[in-house]
């Protein structure tokens, strides 16, 4: 499986996972000035900005290290633009959905509040 194909499959798997948990997915692969948000969803009263990370087993990296400060800054910038553009007044949360493929089997982990703007 090529990297782009694997990433796309991972995003679809993440969306299916979140919908199964009751999230309402609003957007997929939303862009603002070359900054992308993989998934934008609503969970209760929160707008959730989701970064999807997809890997093949065995995995050596750590999900908490998968999003560096530059990526965090870009996600915050894009999330603010999305909220302004759509006049959304909800609290915003940043999550990671971590997907590891073991052959064709996907193992999904969900990290709520993966980072908090201003605390990094």
PDB file of N, CA and C in Angstrom:
ATOM      1  N   UNK A   1       0.856  -1.180   0.000  1.00  0.00           N
ATOM      2  CA  UNK A   1       0.000   0.000   0.000  1.00  0.00           C
ATOM      3  C   UNK A   1       0.898   1.238   0.000  1.00  0.00           C
ATOM      4  N   UNK A   2       0.646   2.154  -0.930  1.00  0.00           N
ATOM      5  CA  UNK A   2       1.432   3.382  -1.022  1.00  0.00           C
ATOM      6  C   UNK A   2       1.024   4.350   0.077  1.00  0.00           C
ATOM      7  N   UNK A   3       1.907   5.303   0.386  1.00  0.00           N
ATOM      8  CA  UNK A   3       1.671   6.232   1.497  1.00  0.00           C
ATOM      9  C   UNK A   3       0.381   7.037   1.348  1.00  0.00           C
ATOM     10  N   UNK A   4       0.136   7.592   0.144  1.00  0.00           N
ATOM     11  CA  UNK A   4      -1.081   8.398  -0.044  1.00  0.00           C
ATOM     12  C   UNK A   4      -2.334   7.529   0.081  1.00  0.00           C
ATOM     13  N   UNK A   5      -2.285   6.342  -0.471  1.00  0.00           N
ATOM     14  CA  UNK A   5      -3.416   5.419  -0.375  1.00  0.00           C
ATOM     15  C   UNK A   5      -3.647   5.022   1.084  1.00  0.00           C
ATOM     16  N   UNK A   6      -2.570   4.750   1.795  1.00  0.00           N
ATOM     17  CA  UNK A   6      -2.679   4.365   3.201  1.00  0.00           C
ATOM     18  C   UNK A   6      -3.241   5.526   4.025  1.00  0.00           C
ATOM     19  N   UNK A   7      -2.779   6.749   3.755  1.00  0.00           N
ATOM     20  CA  UNK A   7      -3.279   7.916   4.483  1.00  0.00           C
ATOM     21  C   UNK A   7      -4.770   8.108   4.236  1.00  0.00           C
ATOM     22  N   UNK A   8      -5.202   7.967   2.994  1.00  0.00           N
ATOM     23  CA  UNK A   8      -6.621   8.130   2.661  1.00  0.00           C
ATOM     24  C   UNK A   8      -7.457   7.047   3.339  1.00  0.00           C
ATOM     25  N   UNK A   9      -6.977   5.796   3.309  1.00  0.00           N
ATOM     26  CA  UNK A   9      -7.695   4.707   3.992  1.00  0.00           C
ATOM     27  C   UNK A   9      -7.768   4.980   5.484  1.00  0.00           C
ATOM     28  N   UNK A  10      -6.669   5.508   6.045  1.00  0.00           N
ATOM     29  CA  UNK A  10      -6.652   5.837   7.463  1.00  0.00           C
ATOM     30  C   UNK A  10      -7.664   6.910   7.817  1.00  0.00           C
ATOM     31  N   UNK A  11      -7.793   7.926   6.967  1.00  0.00           N
ATOM     32  CA  UNK A  11      -8.771   8.985   7.217  1.00  0.00           C
ATOM     33  C   UNK A  11     -10.196   8.447   7.163  1.00  0.00           C
ATOM     34  N   UNK A  12     -10.464   7.559   6.215  1.00  0.00           N
ATOM     35  CA  UNK A  12     -11.794   6.945   6.139  1.00  0.00           C
ATOM     36  C   UNK A  12     -12.065   6.073   7.368  1.00  0.00           C
ATOM     37  N   UNK A  13     -11.051   5.347   7.804  1.00  0.00           N
ATOM     38  CA  UNK A  13     -11.173   4.509   9.005  1.00  0.00           C
ATOM     39  C   UNK A  13     -11.431   5.382  10.236  1.00  0.00           C
ATOM     40  N   UNK A  14     -10.723   6.502  10.338  1.00  0.00           N
ATOM     41  CA  UNK A  14     -10.897   7.430  11.465  1.00  0.00           C
ATOM     42  C   UNK A  14     -12.301   8.015  11.470  1.00  0.00           C
ATOM     43  N   UNK A  15     -12.776   8.394  10.303  1.00  0.00           N
ATOM     44  CA  UNK A  15     -14.130   8.949  10.207  1.00  0.00           C
ATOM     45  C   UNK A  15     -15.166   7.920  10.653  1.00  0.00           C
ATOM     46  N   UNK A  16     -15.036   6.704  10.157  1.00  0.00           N
ATOM     47  CA  UNK A  16     -15.966   5.628  10.535  1.00  0.00           C
ATOM     48  C   UNK A  16     -15.926   5.402  12.047  1.00  0.00           C
ATOM     49  N   UNK A  17     -14.739   5.415  12.624  1.00  0.00           N
ATOM     50  CA  UNK A  17     -14.553   5.224  14.058  1.00  0.00           C
ATOM     51  C   UNK A  17     -15.274   6.333  14.842  1.00  0.00           C
ATOM     52  N   UNK A  18     -15.057   7.591  14.446  1.00  0.00           N
ATOM     53  CA  UNK A  18     -15.660   8.718  15.163  1.00  0.00           C
ATOM     54  C   UNK A  18     -17.183   8.726  15.017  1.00  0.00           C
ATOM     55  N   UNK A  19     -17.680   8.453  13.824  1.00  0.00           N
ATOM     56  CA  UNK A  19     -19.131   8.389  13.623  1.00  0.00           C
ATOM     57  C   UNK A  19     -19.719   7.298  14.512  1.00  0.00           C
ATOM     58  N   UNK A  20     -19.013   6.179  14.631  1.00  0.00           N
ATOM     59  CA  UNK A  20     -19.458   5.094  15.502  1.00  0.00           C
ATOM     60  C   UNK A  20     -19.517   5.493  16.971  1.00  0.00           C
ATOM     61  N   UNK A  21     -18.724   6.509  17.355  1.00  0.00           N
ATOM     62  CA  UNK A  21     -18.749   7.022  18.730  1.00  0.00           C
ATOM     63  C   UNK A  21     -19.751   8.167  18.898  1.00  0.00           C
ATOM     64  N   UNK A  22     -20.516   8.466  17.842  1.00  0.00           N
ATOM     65  CA  UNK A  22     -21.545   9.499  17.945  1.00  0.00           C
ATOM     66  C   UNK A  22     -21.132  10.881  17.482  1.00  0.00           C
ATOM     67  N   UNK A  23     -19.960  11.023  16.915  1.00  0.00           N
ATOM     68  CA  UNK A  23     -19.525  12.318  16.413  1.00  0.00           C
ATOM     69  C   UNK A  23     -20.261  12.625  15.106  1.00  0.00           C
ATOM     70  N   UNK A  24     -20.462  13.911  14.855  1.00  0.00           N
ATOM     71  CA  UNK A  24     -21.009  14.352  13.578  1.00  0.00           C
ATOM     72  C   UNK A  24     -19.856  14.952  12.773  1.00  0.00           C
ATOM     73  N   UNK A  25     -19.481  14.327  11.679  1.00  0.00           N
ATOM     74  CA  UNK A  25     -18.383  14.832  10.857  1.00  0.00           C
ATOM     75  C   UNK A  25     -18.924  15.922   9.939  1.00  0.00           C
ATOM     76  N   UNK A  26     -18.302  17.109  10.019  1.00  0.00           N
ATOM     77  CA  UNK A  26     -18.727  18.257   9.215  1.00  0.00           C
ATOM     78  C   UNK A  26     -17.908  18.409   7.942  1.00  0.00           C
ATOM     79  N   UNK A  27     -16.610  18.128   8.043  1.00  0.00           N
ATOM     80  CA  UNK A  27     -15.706  18.349   6.906  1.00  0.00           C
ATOM     81  C   UNK A  27     -14.637  17.275   6.875  1.00  0.00           C
ATOM     82  N   UNK A  28     -14.156  17.002   5.659  1.00  0.00           N
ATOM     83  CA  UNK A  28     -13.014  16.108   5.431  1.00  0.00           C
ATOM     84  C   UNK A  28     -12.001  16.871   4.605  1.00  0.00           C
ATOM     85  N   UNK A  29     -10.742  16.815   4.994  1.00  0.00           N
ATOM     86  CA  UNK A  29      -9.661  17.448   4.243  1.00  0.00           C
ATOM     87  C   UNK A  29      -9.971  18.909   3.912  1.00  0.00           C
ATOM     88  N   UNK A  30     -10.269  19.682   4.951  1.00  0.00           N
ATOM     89  CA  UNK A  30     -10.608  21.097   4.791  1.00  0.00           C
ATOM     90  C   UNK A  30      -9.317  21.918   4.747  1.00  0.00           C
ATOM     91  N   UNK A  31      -9.228  22.797   3.757  1.00  0.00           N
ATOM     92  CA  UNK A  31      -8.023  23.618   3.571  1.00  0.00           C
ATOM     93  C   UNK A  31      -8.311  25.083   3.777  1.00  0.00           C
ATOM     94  N   UNK A  32      -7.322  25.762   4.349  1.00  0.00           N
ATOM     95  CA  UNK A  32      -7.310  27.226   4.409  1.00  0.00           C
ATOM     96  C   UNK A  32      -5.862  27.657   4.222  1.00  0.00           C
ATOM     97  N   UNK A  33      -5.597  28.331   3.119  1.00  0.00           N
ATOM     98  CA  UNK A  33      -4.239  28.824   2.810  1.00  0.00           C
ATOM     99  C   UNK A  33      -3.171  27.749   2.975  1.00  0.00           C
ATOM    100  N   UNK A  34      -3.348  26.655   2.330  1.00  0.00           N
ATOM    101  CA  UNK A  34      -2.398  25.528   2.326  1.00  0.00           C
ATOM    102  C   UNK A  34      -2.256  24.832   3.673  1.00  0.00           C
ATOM    103  N   UNK A  35      -3.163  25.113   4.574  1.00  0.00           N
ATOM    104  CA  UNK A  35      -3.157  24.433   5.872  1.00  0.00           C
ATOM    105  C   UNK A  35      -4.369  23.516   5.901  1.00  0.00           C
ATOM    106  N   UNK A  36      -4.127  22.229   6.171  1.00  0.00           N
ATOM    107  CA  UNK A  36      -5.198  21.240   6.076  1.00  0.00           C
ATOM    108  C   UNK A  36      -5.611  20.719   7.445  1.00  0.00           C
ATOM    109  N   UNK A  37      -6.910  20.519   7.586  1.00  0.00           N
ATOM    110  CA  UNK A  37      -7.465  19.800   8.730  1.00  0.00           C
ATOM    111  C   UNK A  37      -8.044  18.508   8.163  1.00  0.00           C
ATOM    112  N   UNK A  38      -7.601  17.363   8.709  1.00  0.00           N
ATOM    113  CA  UNK A  38      -8.060  16.072   8.180  1.00  0.00           C
ATOM    114  C   UNK A  38      -9.559  15.888   8.353  1.00  0.00           C
ATOM    115  N   UNK A  39     -10.041  16.065   9.584  1.00  0.00           N
ATOM    116  CA  UNK A  39     -11.466  15.929   9.876  1.00  0.00           C
ATOM    117  C   UNK A  39     -11.904  17.029  10.833  1.00  0.00           C
ATOM    118  N   UNK A  40     -13.094  17.557  10.601  1.00  0.00           N
ATOM    119  CA  UNK A  40     -13.714  18.507  11.525  1.00  0.00           C
ATOM    120  C   UNK A  40     -15.039  17.882  11.929  1.00  0.00           C
ATOM    121  N   UNK A  41     -15.238  17.757  13.234  1.00  0.00           N
ATOM    122  CA  UNK A  41     -16.428  17.071  13.733  1.00  0.00           C
ATOM    123  C   UNK A  41     -17.002  17.808  14.938  1.00  0.00           C
ATOM    124  N   UNK A  42     -18.184  17.392  15.318  1.00  0.00           N
ATOM    125  CA  UNK A  42     -18.824  17.900  16.532  1.00  0.00           C
ATOM    126  C   UNK A  42     -19.009  16.720  17.477  1.00  0.00           C
ATOM    127  N   UNK A  43     -18.584  16.928  18.726  1.00  0.00           N
ATOM    128  CA  UNK A  43     -18.782  15.945  19.797  1.00  0.00           C
ATOM    129  C   UNK A  43     -19.477  16.672  20.932  1.00  0.00           C
ATOM    130  N   UNK A  44     -20.769  16.458  21.061  1.00  0.00           N
ATOM    131  CA  UNK A  44     -21.526  17.176  22.085  1.00  0.00           C
ATOM    132  C   UNK A  44     -21.526  18.666  21.792  1.00  0.00           C
ATOM    133  N   UNK A  45     -20.938  19.445  22.690  1.00  0.00           N
ATOM    134  CA  UNK A  45     -20.888  20.898  22.538  1.00  0.00           C
ATOM    135  C   UNK A  45     -19.516  21.387  22.090  1.00  0.00           C
ATOM    136  N   UNK A  46     -18.674  20.479  21.589  1.00  0.00           N
ATOM    137  CA  UNK A  46     -17.328  20.863  21.165  1.00  0.00           C
ATOM    138  C   UNK A  46     -17.118  20.650  19.673  1.00  0.00           C
ATOM    139  N   UNK A  47     -16.420  21.592  19.068  1.00  0.00           N
ATOM    140  CA  UNK A  47     -15.928  21.430  17.710  1.00  0.00           C
ATOM    141  C   UNK A  47     -14.595  20.701  17.829  1.00  0.00           C
ATOM    142  N   UNK A  48     -14.444  19.601  17.114  1.00  0.00           N
ATOM    143  CA  UNK A  48     -13.247  18.775  17.251  1.00  0.00           C
ATOM    144  C   UNK A  48     -12.452  18.815  15.957  1.00  0.00           C
ATOM    145  N   UNK A  49     -11.208  19.251  16.082  1.00  0.00           N
ATOM    146  CA  UNK A  49     -10.267  19.281  14.971  1.00  0.00           C
ATOM    147  C   UNK A  49      -9.433  18.013  15.103  1.00  0.00           C
ATOM    148  N   UNK A  50      -9.477  17.168  14.073  1.00  0.00           N
ATOM    149  CA  UNK A  50      -8.870  15.844  14.166  1.00  0.00           C
ATOM    150  C   UNK A  50      -7.710  15.726  13.179  1.00  0.00           C
ATOM    151  N   UNK A  51      -6.561  15.390  13.698  1.00  0.00           N
ATOM    152  CA  UNK A  51      -5.399  15.042  12.881  1.00  0.00           C
ATOM    153  C   UNK A  51      -5.314  13.525  12.868  1.00  0.00           C
ATOM    154  N   UNK A  52      -5.289  12.957  11.668  1.00  0.00           N
ATOM    155  CA  UNK A  52      -5.222  11.512  11.518  1.00  0.00           C
ATOM    156  C   UNK A  52      -3.796  11.131  11.152  1.00  0.00           C
ATOM    157  N   UNK A  53      -3.227  10.217  11.904  1.00  0.00           N
ATOM    158  CA  UNK A  53      -1.887   9.702  11.627  1.00  0.00           C
ATOM    159  C   UNK A  53      -2.014   8.215  11.355  1.00  0.00           C
ATOM    160  N   UNK A  54      -1.525   7.792  10.201  1.00  0.00           N
ATOM    161  CA  UNK A  54      -1.637   6.403   9.779  1.00  0.00           C
ATOM    162  C   UNK A  54      -0.246   5.829   9.578  1.00  0.00           C
ATOM    163  N   UNK A  55      -0.032   4.651  10.122  1.00  0.00           N
ATOM    164  CA  UNK A  55       1.275   3.982  10.039  1.00  0.00           C
ATOM    165  C   UNK A  55       1.068   2.505   9.738  1.00  0.00           C
ATOM    166  N   UNK A  56       2.143   1.868   9.284  1.00  0.00           N
ATOM    167  CA  UNK A  56       2.161   0.412   9.130  1.00  0.00           C
ATOM    168  C   UNK A  56       2.951  -0.168  10.286  1.00  0.00           C
ATOM    169  N   UNK A  57       2.505  -1.308  10.784  1.00  0.00           N
ATOM    170  CA  UNK A  57       3.220  -1.985  11.866  1.00  0.00           C
ATOM    171  C   UNK A  57       4.522  -2.554  11.304  1.00  0.00           C
ATOM    172  N   UNK A  58       5.556  -2.664  12.083  1.00  0.00           N
ATOM    173  CA  UNK A  58       5.683  -2.196  13.469  1.00  0.00           C
ATOM    174  C   UNK A  58       5.919  -0.686  13.516  1.00  0.00           C
ATOM    175  N   UNK A  59       5.385  -0.058  14.537  1.00  0.00           N
ATOM    176  CA  UNK A  59       5.473   1.392  14.686  1.00  0.00           C
ATOM    177  C   UNK A  59       6.466   1.730  15.781  1.00  0.00           C
ATOM    178  N   UNK A  60       7.387   2.616  15.463  1.00  0.00           N
ATOM    179  CA  UNK A  60       8.389   3.011  16.445  1.00  0.00           C
ATOM    180  C   UNK A  60       8.106   4.388  17.044  1.00  0.00           C
ATOM    181  N   UNK A  61       7.373   5.237  16.297  1.00  0.00           N
ATOM    182  CA  UNK A  61       7.124   6.580  16.827  1.00  0.00           C
ATOM    183  C   UNK A  61       5.947   6.584  17.784  1.00  0.00           C
ATOM    184  N   UNK A  62       5.834   7.663  18.504  1.00  0.00           N
ATOM    185  CA  UNK A  62       4.853   7.824  19.569  1.00  0.00           C
ATOM    186  C   UNK A  62       3.784   8.818  19.107  1.00  0.00           C
ATOM    187  N   UNK A  63       2.500   8.521  19.262  1.00  0.00           N
ATOM    188  CA  UNK A  63       1.458   9.453  18.824  1.00  0.00           C
ATOM    189  C   UNK A  63       1.595  10.851  19.419  1.00  0.00           C
ATOM    190  N   UNK A  64       2.039  10.937  20.657  1.00  0.00           N
ATOM    191  CA  UNK A  64       2.162  12.260  21.286  1.00  0.00           C
ATOM    192  C   UNK A  64       3.251  13.106  20.633  1.00  0.00           C
ATOM    193  N   UNK A  65       4.167  12.465  19.906  1.00  0.00           N
ATOM    194  CA  UNK A  65       5.229  13.197  19.215  1.00  0.00           C
ATOM    195  C   UNK A  65       4.933  13.382  17.731  1.00  0.00           C
ATOM    196  N   UNK A  66       3.794  12.889  17.276  1.00  0.00           N
ATOM    197  CA  UNK A  66       3.471  12.887  15.847  1.00  0.00           C
ATOM    198  C   UNK A  66       3.126  14.268  15.305  1.00  0.00           C
ATOM    199  N   UNK A  67       2.750  15.181  16.175  1.00  0.00           N
ATOM    200  CA  UNK A  67       2.371  16.525  15.733  1.00  0.00           C
ATOM    201  C   UNK A  67       3.294  17.534  16.406  1.00  0.00           C
ATOM    202  N   UNK A  68       4.209  18.062  15.624  1.00  0.00           N
ATOM    203  CA  UNK A  68       5.155  19.053  16.131  1.00  0.00           C
ATOM    204  C   UNK A  68       4.506  20.412  16.313  1.00  0.00           C
ATOM    205  N   UNK A  69       5.271  21.337  16.835  1.00  0.00           N
ATOM    206  CA  UNK A  69       4.735  22.685  17.107  1.00  0.00           C
ATOM    207  C   UNK A  69       4.268  23.407  15.855  1.00  0.00           C
ATOM    208  N   UNK A  70       5.005  23.253  14.743  1.00  0.00           N
ATOM    209  CA  UNK A  70       4.578  23.907  13.500  1.00  0.00           C
ATOM    210  C   UNK A  70       3.226  23.374  13.042  1.00  0.00           C
ATOM    211  N   UNK A  71       3.044  22.053  13.090  1.00  0.00           N
ATOM    212  CA  UNK A  71       1.764  21.457  12.698  1.00  0.00           C
ATOM    213  C   UNK A  71       0.657  21.906  13.645  1.00  0.00           C
ATOM    214  N   UNK A  72       0.957  21.966  14.939  1.00  0.00           N
ATOM    215  CA  UNK A  72      -0.030  22.447  15.909  1.00  0.00           C
ATOM    216  C   UNK A  72      -0.446  23.875  15.581  1.00  0.00           C
ATOM    217  N   UNK A  73       0.541  24.717  15.301  1.00  0.00           N
ATOM    218  CA  UNK A  73       0.267  26.122  14.966  1.00  0.00           C
ATOM    219  C   UNK A  73      -0.620  26.205  13.710  1.00  0.00           C
ATOM    220  N   UNK A  74      -0.311  25.380  12.703  1.00  0.00           N
ATOM    221  CA  UNK A  74      -1.108  25.376  11.479  1.00  0.00           C
ATOM    222  C   UNK A  74      -2.536  24.903  11.739  1.00  0.00           C
ATOM    223  N   UNK A  75      -2.696  23.885  12.572  1.00  0.00           N
ATOM    224  CA  UNK A  75      -4.045  23.400  12.910  1.00  0.00           C
ATOM    225  C   UNK A  75      -4.841  24.469  13.657  1.00  0.00           C
ATOM    226  N   UNK A  76      -4.200  25.154  14.585  1.00  0.00           N
ATOM    227  CA  UNK A  76      -4.871  26.220  15.345  1.00  0.00           C
ATOM    228  C   UNK A  76      -5.304  27.338  14.403  1.00  0.00           C
ATOM    229  N   UNK A  77      -4.404  27.729  13.512  1.00  0.00           N
ATOM    230  CA  UNK A  77      -4.695  28.794  12.545  1.00  0.00           C
ATOM    231  C   UNK A  77      -5.892  28.394  11.671  1.00  0.00           C
ATOM    232  N   UNK A  78      -5.846  27.179  11.118  1.00  0.00           N
ATOM    233  CA  UNK A  78      -6.922  26.711  10.248  1.00  0.00           C
ATOM    234  C   UNK A  78      -8.232  26.560  11.024  1.00  0.00           C
ATOM    235  N   UNK A  79      -8.164  26.072  12.261  1.00  0.00           N
ATOM    236  CA  UNK A  79      -9.373  25.917  13.085  1.00  0.00           C
ATOM    237  C   UNK A  79     -10.013  27.275  13.363  1.00  0.00           C
ATOM    238  N   UNK A  80      -9.190  28.267  13.669  1.00  0.00           N
ATOM    239  CA  UNK A  80      -9.717  29.619  13.893  1.00  0.00           C
ATOM    240  C   UNK A  80     -10.386  30.160  12.635  1.00  0.00           C
ATOM    241  N   UNK A  81      -9.771  29.927  11.478  1.00  0.00           N
ATOM    242  CA  UNK A  81     -10.349  30.377  10.212  1.00  0.00           C
ATOM    243  C   UNK A  81     -11.684  29.681   9.960  1.00  0.00           C
ATOM    244  N   UNK A  82     -11.727  28.376  10.202  1.00  0.00           N
ATOM    245  CA  UNK A  82     -12.967  27.615   9.998  1.00  0.00           C
ATOM    246  C   UNK A  82     -14.081  28.144  10.904  1.00  0.00           C
ATOM    247  N   UNK A  83     -13.765  28.346  12.172  1.00  0.00           N
ATOM    248  CA  UNK A  83     -14.765  28.831  13.125  1.00  0.00           C
ATOM    249  C   UNK A  83     -15.264  30.235  12.733  1.00  0.00           C
ATOM    250  N   UNK A  84     -14.345  31.108  12.341  1.00  0.00           N
ATOM    251  CA  UNK A  84     -14.752  32.458  11.909  1.00  0.00           C
ATOM    252  C   UNK A  84     -15.618  32.389  10.655  1.00  0.00           C
ATOM    253  N   UNK A  85     -15.151  31.646   9.650  1.00  0.00           N
ATOM    254  CA  UNK A  85     -15.841  31.544   8.362  1.00  0.00           C
ATOM    255  C   UNK A  85     -17.261  31.012   8.538  1.00  0.00           C
ATOM    256  N   UNK A  86     -17.431  30.063   9.451  1.00  0.00           N
ATOM    257  CA  UNK A  86     -18.724  29.420   9.666  1.00  0.00           C
ATOM    258  C   UNK A  86     -19.479  29.965  10.870  1.00  0.00           C
ATOM    259  N   UNK A  87     -18.945  31.007  11.481  1.00  0.00           N
ATOM    260  CA  UNK A  87     -19.569  31.660  12.646  1.00  0.00           C
ATOM    261  C   UNK A  87     -19.896  30.661  13.747  1.00  0.00           C
ATOM    262  N   UNK A  88     -18.915  29.824  14.059  1.00  0.00           N
ATOM    263  CA  UNK A  88     -19.085  28.802  15.096  1.00  0.00           C
ATOM    264  C   UNK A  88     -18.603  29.353  16.425  1.00  0.00           C
ATOM    265  N   UNK A  89     -19.408  29.213  17.436  1.00  0.00           N
ATOM    266  CA  UNK A  89     -19.093  29.753  18.761  1.00  0.00           C
ATOM    267  C   UNK A  89     -18.895  28.646  19.789  1.00  0.00           C
ATOM    268  N   UNK A  90     -18.430  27.489  19.357  1.00  0.00           N
ATOM    269  CA  UNK A  90     -18.242  26.351  20.261  1.00  0.00           C
ATOM    270  C   UNK A  90     -16.803  26.321  20.777  1.00  0.00           C
ATOM    271  N   UNK A  91     -16.622  25.624  21.884  1.00  0.00           N
ATOM    272  CA  UNK A  91     -15.270  25.325  22.339  1.00  0.00           C
ATOM    273  C   UNK A  91     -14.616  24.423  21.296  1.00  0.00           C
ATOM    274  N   UNK A  92     -13.306  24.586  21.116  1.00  0.00           N
ATOM    275  CA  UNK A  92     -12.576  23.787  20.130  1.00  0.00           C
ATOM    276  C   UNK A  92     -11.616  22.851  20.854  1.00  0.00           C
ATOM    277  N   UNK A  93     -11.596  21.612  20.383  1.00  0.00           N
ATOM    278  CA  UNK A  93     -10.712  20.588  20.942  1.00  0.00           C
ATOM    279  C   UNK A  93      -9.886  19.996  19.799  1.00  0.00           C
ATOM    280  N   UNK A  94      -8.636  19.641  20.108  1.00  0.00           N
ATOM    281  CA  UNK A  94      -7.739  19.068  19.111  1.00  0.00           C
ATOM    282  C   UNK A  94      -7.430  17.619  19.490  1.00  0.00           C
ATOM    283  N   UNK A  95      -7.824  16.697  18.615  1.00  0.00           N
ATOM    284  CA  UNK A  95      -7.639  15.265  18.854  1.00  0.00           C
ATOM    285  C   UNK A  95      -6.720  14.660  17.801  1.00  0.00           C
ATOM    286  N   UNK A  96      -6.144  13.523  18.138  1.00  0.00           N
ATOM    287  CA  UNK A  96      -5.407  12.705  17.179  1.00  0.00           C
ATOM    288  C   UNK A  96      -6.114  11.355  17.095  1.00  0.00           C
ATOM    289  N   UNK A  97      -6.319  10.879  15.881  1.00  0.00           N
ATOM    290  CA  UNK A  97      -6.727   9.495  15.685  1.00  0.00           C
ATOM    291  C   UNK A  97      -5.531   8.812  15.057  1.00  0.00           C
ATOM    292  N   UNK A  98      -5.029   7.816  15.756  1.00  0.00           N
ATOM    293  CA  UNK A  98      -3.794   7.102  15.420  1.00  0.00           C
ATOM    294  C   UNK A  98      -4.197   5.736  14.884  1.00  0.00           C
ATOM    295  N   UNK A  99      -3.827   5.460  13.645  1.00  0.00           N
ATOM    296  CA  UNK A  99      -4.212   4.205  13.017  1.00  0.00           C
ATOM    297  C   UNK A  99      -2.961   3.442  12.615  1.00  0.00           C
ATOM    298  N   UNK A 100      -2.894   2.190  13.023  1.00  0.00           N
ATOM    299  CA  UNK A 100      -1.772   1.321  12.655  1.00  0.00           C
ATOM    300  C   UNK A 100      -2.345   0.128  11.900  1.00  0.00           C
ATOM    301  N   UNK A 101      -1.845  -0.073  10.694  1.00  0.00           N
ATOM    302  CA  UNK A 101      -2.250  -1.230   9.892  1.00  0.00           C
ATOM    303  C   UNK A 101      -1.301  -2.380  10.154  1.00  0.00           C
ATOM    304  N   UNK A 102      -1.878  -3.489  10.534  1.00  0.00           N
ATOM    305  CA  UNK A 102      -1.155  -4.763  10.651  1.00  0.00           C
ATOM    306  C   UNK A 102      -1.705  -5.628   9.534  1.00  0.00           C
ATOM    307  N   UNK A 103      -1.042  -5.590   8.374  1.00  0.00           N
ATOM    308  CA  UNK A 103      -1.608  -6.197   7.175  1.00  0.00           C
ATOM    309  C   UNK A 103      -2.801  -5.364   6.754  1.00  0.00           C
ATOM    310  N   UNK A 104      -3.944  -5.981   6.619  1.00  0.00           N
ATOM    311  CA  UNK A 104      -5.176  -5.262   6.253  1.00  0.00           C
ATOM    312  C   UNK A 104      -5.974  -4.826   7.483  1.00  0.00           C
ATOM    313  N   UNK A 105      -5.581  -5.292   8.657  1.00  0.00           N
ATOM    314  CA  UNK A 105      -6.288  -4.991   9.907  1.00  0.00           C
ATOM    315  C   UNK A 105      -5.868  -3.624  10.439  1.00  0.00           C
ATOM    316  N   UNK A 106      -6.842  -2.753  10.695  1.00  0.00           N
ATOM    317  CA  UNK A 106      -6.566  -1.427  11.253  1.00  0.00           C
ATOM    318  C   UNK A 106      -6.806  -1.426  12.756  1.00  0.00           C
ATOM    319  N   UNK A 107      -5.826  -0.956  13.501  1.00  0.00           N
ATOM    320  CA  UNK A 107      -5.970  -0.755  14.943  1.00  0.00           C
ATOM    321  C   UNK A 107      -6.076   0.756  15.156  1.00  0.00           C
ATOM    322  N   UNK A 108      -7.164   1.188  15.790  1.00  0.00           N
ATOM    323  CA  UNK A 108      -7.460   2.610  15.938  1.00  0.00           C
ATOM    324  C   UNK A 108      -7.339   3.019  17.401  1.00  0.00           C
ATOM    325  N   UNK A 109      -6.616   4.113  17.639  1.00  0.00           N
ATOM    326  CA  UNK A 109      -6.537   4.722  18.969  1.00  0.00           C
ATOM    327  C   UNK A 109      -6.945   6.183  18.837  1.00  0.00           C
ATOM    328  N   UNK A 110      -7.683   6.672  19.821  1.00  0.00           N
ATOM    329  CA  UNK A 110      -8.183   8.040  19.795  1.00  0.00           C
ATOM    330  C   UNK A 110      -7.645   8.789  21.008  1.00  0.00           C
ATOM    331  N   UNK A 111      -6.957   9.888  20.747  1.00  0.00           N
ATOM    332  CA  UNK A 111      -6.395  10.712  21.815  1.00  0.00           C
ATOM    333  C   UNK A 111      -7.139  12.043  21.836  1.00  0.00           C
ATOM    334  N   UNK A 112      -8.041  12.182  22.817  1.00  0.00           N
ATOM    335  CA  UNK A 112      -8.759  13.443  22.986  1.00  0.00           C
ATOM    336  C   UNK A 112      -7.819  14.473  23.609  1.00  0.00           C
ATOM    337  N   UNK A 113      -8.037  15.746  23.253  1.00  0.00           N
ATOM    338  CA  UNK A 113      -7.208  16.822  23.791  1.00  0.00           C
ATOM    339  C   UNK A 113      -5.727  16.514  23.633  1.00  0.00           C
ATOM    340  N   UNK A 114      -5.336  16.113  22.427  1.00  0.00           N
ATOM    341  CA  UNK A 114      -3.942  15.731  22.155  1.00  0.00           C
ATOM    342  C   UNK A 114      -2.991  16.886  22.450  1.00  0.00           C
ATOM    343  N   UNK A 115      -3.456  18.090  22.216  1.00  0.00           N
ATOM    344  CA  UNK A 115      -2.700  19.279  22.626  1.00  0.00           C
ATOM    345  C   UNK A 115      -3.677  20.406  22.889  1.00  0.00           C
ATOM    346  N   UNK A 116      -3.256  21.337  23.714  1.00  0.00           N
ATOM    347  CA  UNK A 116      -4.096  22.473  24.081  1.00  0.00           C
ATOM    348  C   UNK A 116      -3.384  23.735  23.612  1.00  0.00           C
ATOM    349  N   UNK A 117      -4.025  24.542  22.777  1.00  0.00           N
ATOM    350  CA  UNK A 117      -3.393  25.771  22.286  1.00  0.00           C
ATOM    351  C   UNK A 117      -2.903  26.634  23.443  1.00  0.00           C
ATOM    352  N   UNK A 118      -1.706  27.156  23.291  1.00  0.00           N
ATOM    353  CA  UNK A 118      -1.151  28.067  24.280  1.00  0.00           C
ATOM    354  C   UNK A 118      -0.398  27.386  25.407  1.00  0.00           C
ATOM    355  N   UNK A 119      -0.468  26.065  25.507  1.00  0.00           N
ATOM    356  CA  UNK A 119       0.229  25.363  26.590  1.00  0.00           C
ATOM    357  C   UNK A 119       1.491  24.669  26.114  1.00  0.00           C
ATOM    358  N   UNK A 120       1.826  24.833  24.842  1.00  0.00           N
ATOM    359  CA  UNK A 120       2.978  24.106  24.303  1.00  0.00           C
ATOM    360  C   UNK A 120       4.166  25.007  24.161  1.00  0.00           C
TER     361      UNK A 120
END
